[in-house]
């Protein structure tokens, strides 16, 4: 029996013995519950390597070992920012599985989230993104305790089909820089080029809008950058910024 793309089907747990796996793989935090919607947050993206092509049969299902399953016997749908992808492909939404999977190393106390896809094979990589999902229905139980949990994949028939997931180190934090380029009479200067040079010598350019505003996204924090305005009509003093957080109102006023 397979899980459909928008439906969550309870799968009864086999009576086989539970085989523990190593813990400390993925950090989950919880909020809500107690007769309110419940949110699950994955703090860091996790990558899995497929070890059994049976995963393509209707899963895989993402299992968080002994995290505490408050959804058993119910079938809430979810919404949020947690997604999965195969071999760095298109991100797909996550659903919550409400019951167990018939496998010797899975219990009713494990949390399951899943995506319905095919095309994985031995050696494929599956990434579960950091993010939050929240049920659209109230959950009677209290939220599970926050913690670190082993995580792996099974098929919808309970065949374990991946090695334990490995957290992906987050990339360096990024910030944004914004401001305005002004003439001497404080009017916005349209279509001026603002050049950002990072500490490695890389240059990015942002052009001002009709009101003189410019904006840079995804600038790596923890470095020193130089901003300068290039204009045929006006001269501007460059500015040096030490980036530790988002910077706004980095304004330039023409000197002539």
Protein backbone atom coordinates (compact mmCIF):
# COMPACT_ATOMS: atom_id res chain seq x y z
CA UNK A 1 0.00 0.00 0.00
CA UNK A 2 1.41 3.36 -1.01
CA UNK A 3 0.89 6.89 0.29
CA UNK A 4 -0.91 9.16 -2.19
CA UNK A 5 0.42 12.64 -2.98
CA UNK A 6 -2.09 14.59 -0.90
CA UNK A 7 -3.39 11.91 1.41
CA UNK A 8 -2.01 10.47 4.63
CA UNK A 9 -2.81 6.82 5.19
CA UNK A 10 -2.30 5.09 8.50
CA UNK A 11 0.03 2.11 8.25
CA UNK A 12 -0.03 -0.34 11.13
CA UNK A 13 3.17 -1.10 13.02
CA UNK A 14 4.55 -4.60 12.83
CA UNK A 15 5.27 -6.43 16.03
CA UNK A 16 8.97 -6.86 15.27
CA UNK A 17 11.54 -5.77 17.88
CA UNK A 18 12.84 -2.21 17.81
CA UNK A 19 16.48 -1.87 16.77
CA UNK A 20 17.97 1.38 18.12
CA UNK A 21 20.12 3.62 15.94
CA UNK A 22 22.66 6.28 16.83
CA UNK A 23 21.24 9.59 17.96
CA UNK A 24 22.33 13.20 17.69
CA UNK A 25 21.75 13.61 13.95
CA UNK A 26 19.13 16.34 13.59
CA UNK A 27 17.82 19.05 15.91
CA UNK A 28 14.04 19.45 16.17
CA UNK A 29 12.10 22.02 18.19
CA UNK A 30 8.35 21.98 18.84
CA UNK A 31 5.70 24.49 19.80
CA UNK A 32 1.93 24.48 20.19
CA UNK A 33 -0.11 21.37 20.81
CA UNK A 34 -2.30 21.09 23.93
CA UNK A 35 -5.42 21.45 21.75
CA UNK A 36 -3.78 23.96 19.40
CA UNK A 37 -1.94 23.55 16.08
CA UNK A 38 1.54 22.15 16.49
CA UNK A 39 4.72 23.31 14.76
CA UNK A 40 7.83 21.25 14.07
CA UNK A 41 11.04 23.10 13.22
CA UNK A 42 14.12 21.46 11.72
CA UNK A 43 17.07 23.63 12.69
CA UNK A 44 19.53 22.48 10.03
CA UNK A 45 19.13 20.89 6.60
CA UNK A 46 19.88 17.17 6.45
CA UNK A 47 21.28 15.11 3.57
CA UNK A 48 20.59 11.40 3.10
CA UNK A 49 22.23 8.88 0.76
CA UNK A 50 19.93 6.27 -0.74
CA UNK A 51 21.12 2.72 -0.08
CA UNK A 52 18.12 0.77 -1.41
CA UNK A 53 16.21 1.58 -4.60
CA UNK A 54 12.95 0.40 -2.96
CA UNK A 55 12.70 3.98 -1.70
CA UNK A 56 11.31 4.92 -5.10
CA UNK A 57 8.21 2.77 -4.58
CA UNK A 58 6.19 5.44 -2.82
CA UNK A 59 8.43 7.29 -0.45
CA UNK A 60 10.79 7.89 1.00
CA UNK A 61 9.40 8.68 4.41
CA UNK A 62 11.67 10.80 6.63
CA UNK A 63 11.88 9.24 10.10
CA UNK A 64 13.02 11.02 13.27
CA UNK A 65 13.88 8.29 15.74
CA UNK A 66 12.05 8.42 19.09
CA UNK A 67 11.15 12.09 18.71
CA UNK A 68 7.66 11.44 20.06
CA UNK A 69 4.77 11.16 17.58
CA UNK A 70 1.76 13.28 18.67
CA UNK A 71 -0.07 12.57 15.39
CA UNK A 72 -0.69 8.86 15.88
CA UNK A 73 -4.29 8.07 14.97
CA UNK A 74 -4.95 11.46 13.36
CA UNK A 75 -4.17 12.90 9.95
CA UNK A 76 -3.52 16.64 9.94
CA UNK A 77 -2.28 18.35 6.83
CA UNK A 78 0.52 20.85 7.19
CA UNK A 79 1.85 24.07 5.76
CA UNK A 80 5.21 25.70 6.12
CA UNK A 81 8.72 26.11 4.82
CA UNK A 82 10.19 22.61 5.17
CA UNK A 83 10.84 20.99 1.78
CA UNK A 84 12.79 18.12 0.23
CA UNK A 85 14.71 17.71 -3.01
CA UNK A 86 16.33 14.86 -4.91
CA UNK A 87 19.83 15.26 -6.34
CA UNK A 88 19.53 19.06 -5.89
CA UNK A 89 16.34 19.16 -7.98
CA UNK A 90 13.15 21.17 -7.48
CA UNK A 91 12.06 21.67 -3.87
CA UNK A 92 8.83 19.84 -2.96
CA UNK A 93 6.48 20.32 0.02
CA UNK A 94 6.47 18.05 3.06
CA UNK A 95 3.48 16.27 4.64
CA UNK A 96 3.12 14.55 8.01
CA UNK A 97 2.52 10.80 8.21
CA UNK A 98 0.17 10.13 11.09
CA UNK A 99 0.95 6.55 11.99
CA UNK A 100 3.79 4.08 11.90
CA UNK A 101 5.65 2.13 9.27
CA UNK A 102 6.01 -1.63 9.37
CA UNK A 103 9.73 -1.91 9.96
CA UNK A 104 11.91 -3.41 12.66
CA UNK A 105 13.70 -0.15 13.47
CA UNK A 106 10.62 2.12 13.55
CA UNK A 107 8.13 2.60 16.39
CA UNK A 108 4.95 4.54 17.12
CA UNK A 109 7.12 7.04 19.00
CA UNK A 110 8.93 8.14 15.83
CA UNK A 111 7.87 11.22 13.88
CA UNK A 112 7.40 10.80 10.14
CA UNK A 113 7.27 13.39 7.40
CA UNK A 114 7.15 12.39 3.79
CA UNK A 115 7.16 13.33 0.15
CA UNK A 116 5.70 11.21 -2.63
CA UNK A 117 8.23 10.90 -5.43
CA UNK A 118 10.02 8.43 -7.66
CA UNK A 119 13.31 8.36 -9.48
CA UNK A 120 15.72 7.74 -6.62
CA UNK A 121 18.23 4.93 -6.88
CA UNK A 122 21.23 3.65 -4.98
CA UNK A 123 23.60 6.56 -4.41
CA UNK A 124 21.00 9.30 -4.92
CA UNK A 125 21.02 12.14 -2.43
CA UNK A 126 17.90 13.51 -0.80
CA UNK A 127 17.97 16.80 1.12
CA UNK A 128 15.41 17.75 3.74
CA UNK A 129 15.59 21.50 4.17
CA UNK A 130 15.66 23.38 7.43
CA UNK A 131 12.30 24.98 8.08
CA UNK A 132 9.01 24.74 9.95
CA UNK A 133 5.76 22.91 9.30
CA UNK A 134 2.55 23.61 11.20
CA UNK A 135 -0.60 21.50 11.33
CA UNK A 136 -3.84 23.01 10.09
CA UNK A 137 -5.71 21.25 12.90
CA UNK A 138 -5.36 21.26 16.66
CA UNK A 139 -3.31 18.50 18.29
CA UNK A 140 -4.60 17.32 21.64
CA UNK A 141 -1.25 16.09 22.91
CA UNK A 142 1.45 18.27 24.41
CA UNK A 143 4.39 19.01 22.11
CA UNK A 144 7.33 16.60 22.22
CA UNK A 145 10.52 17.69 23.94
CA UNK A 146 13.08 19.52 21.84
CA UNK A 147 16.16 17.50 21.06
CA UNK A 148 18.57 15.83 18.65
CA UNK A 149 17.38 12.70 16.90
CA UNK A 150 18.72 10.13 14.49
CA UNK A 151 16.99 10.43 11.12
CA UNK A 152 16.80 8.08 8.15
CA UNK A 153 14.49 7.16 5.27
CA UNK A 154 12.15 4.24 4.73
CA UNK A 155 9.90 3.30 1.83
CA UNK A 156 6.16 3.36 2.46
CA UNK A 157 6.32 -0.39 3.07
CA UNK A 158 8.83 0.08 5.86
CA UNK A 159 12.03 -0.83 4.02
CA UNK A 160 14.86 1.23 5.41
CA UNK A 161 16.54 2.70 2.36
CA UNK A 162 19.12 5.27 3.45
CA UNK A 163 22.05 5.75 5.72
CA UNK A 164 21.50 8.05 8.70
CA UNK A 165 20.99 11.66 7.69
CA UNK A 166 23.89 14.05 8.10
CA UNK A 167 23.27 17.73 8.99
CA UNK A 168 24.55 20.17 6.38
CA UNK A 169 26.77 22.92 7.72
CA UNK A 170 25.00 26.26 7.16
CA UNK A 171 26.57 28.68 4.75
CA UNK A 172 28.01 31.89 6.11
CA UNK A 173 25.33 34.29 7.25
CA UNK A 174 24.33 36.90 4.71
CA UNK A 175 22.97 40.40 5.11
CA UNK A 176 21.46 43.09 2.92
CA UNK A 177 22.69 46.63 2.28
CA UNK A 178 20.44 49.44 1.13
CA UNK A 179 20.38 53.20 0.89
CA UNK A 180 19.88 56.15 -1.40
CA UNK A 181 22.00 58.19 -3.79
CA UNK A 182 21.22 61.92 -3.61
CA UNK A 183 22.23 65.03 -5.48
CA UNK A 184 23.44 68.09 -3.60
CA UNK A 185 19.87 69.37 -3.23
CA UNK A 186 18.77 66.05 -1.68
CA UNK A 187 16.96 64.82 -4.78
CA UNK A 188 17.19 61.11 -5.60
CA UNK A 189 19.58 60.33 -8.45
CA UNK A 190 18.10 57.80 -10.85
CA UNK A 191 20.06 55.17 -12.77
CA UNK A 192 23.32 55.69 -10.88
CA UNK A 193 25.61 52.66 -10.48
CA UNK A 194 26.49 51.63 -6.93
CA UNK A 195 29.51 49.29 -6.87
CA UNK A 196 30.09 46.90 -3.97
CA UNK A 197 33.59 45.41 -3.69
CA UNK A 198 34.01 42.59 -1.17
CA UNK A 199 37.19 41.62 0.63
CA UNK A 200 38.07 39.14 -2.13
CA UNK A 201 37.89 41.82 -4.80
CA UNK A 202 34.57 40.67 -6.25
CA UNK A 203 32.40 43.51 -7.56
CA UNK A 204 28.61 43.69 -7.66
CA UNK A 205 26.58 46.54 -9.13
CA UNK A 206 23.15 47.88 -8.21
CA UNK A 207 21.45 50.64 -10.21
CA UNK A 208 19.32 53.19 -8.42
CA UNK A 209 15.61 53.39 -9.11
CA UNK A 210 13.86 56.63 -10.20
CA UNK A 211 13.95 57.87 -6.59
CA UNK A 212 17.63 57.09 -6.03
CA UNK A 213 17.26 53.92 -3.96
CA UNK A 214 19.60 50.92 -4.33
CA UNK A 215 19.72 47.51 -2.68
CA UNK A 216 22.09 44.53 -2.34
CA UNK A 217 20.94 41.11 -1.09
CA UNK A 218 22.92 38.10 0.14
CA UNK A 219 26.14 39.86 1.07
CA UNK A 220 28.27 37.64 3.29
CA UNK A 221 28.46 38.91 6.84
CA UNK A 222 31.70 39.21 8.80
CA UNK A 223 33.68 41.01 6.11
CA UNK A 224 34.63 44.54 5.12
CA UNK A 225 33.19 45.90 1.88
CA UNK A 226 33.63 49.14 -0.06
CA UNK A 227 30.71 50.96 -1.66
CA UNK A 228 31.16 53.63 -4.28
CA UNK A 229 28.86 55.44 -6.69
CA UNK A 230 29.76 55.80 -10.34
CA UNK A 231 28.13 58.78 -12.06
CA UNK A 232 29.11 60.93 -15.04
CA UNK A 233 27.51 64.03 -13.52
CA UNK A 234 28.39 63.85 -9.82
CA UNK A 235 31.16 62.79 -7.49
CA UNK A 236 30.62 60.80 -4.29
CA UNK A 237 32.92 59.77 -1.49
CA UNK A 238 33.21 55.96 -1.13
CA UNK A 239 32.12 54.29 2.09
CA UNK A 240 33.70 51.36 3.95
CA UNK A 241 31.40 49.01 5.91
CA UNK A 242 32.24 46.30 8.43
CA UNK A 243 29.31 43.92 8.06
CA UNK A 244 27.86 42.16 11.07
CA UNK A 245 24.15 42.70 10.41
CA UNK A 246 21.72 44.19 7.89
CA UNK A 247 22.62 47.76 7.00
CA UNK A 248 20.09 50.36 5.85
CA UNK A 249 20.27 54.06 5.01
CA UNK A 250 23.79 53.88 3.60
CA UNK A 251 23.24 57.12 1.72
CA UNK A 252 25.51 58.98 -0.68
CA UNK A 253 25.27 62.76 -1.23
CA UNK A 254 26.94 64.38 -4.24
CA UNK A 255 29.99 66.51 -3.44
CA UNK A 256 29.61 68.74 -6.49
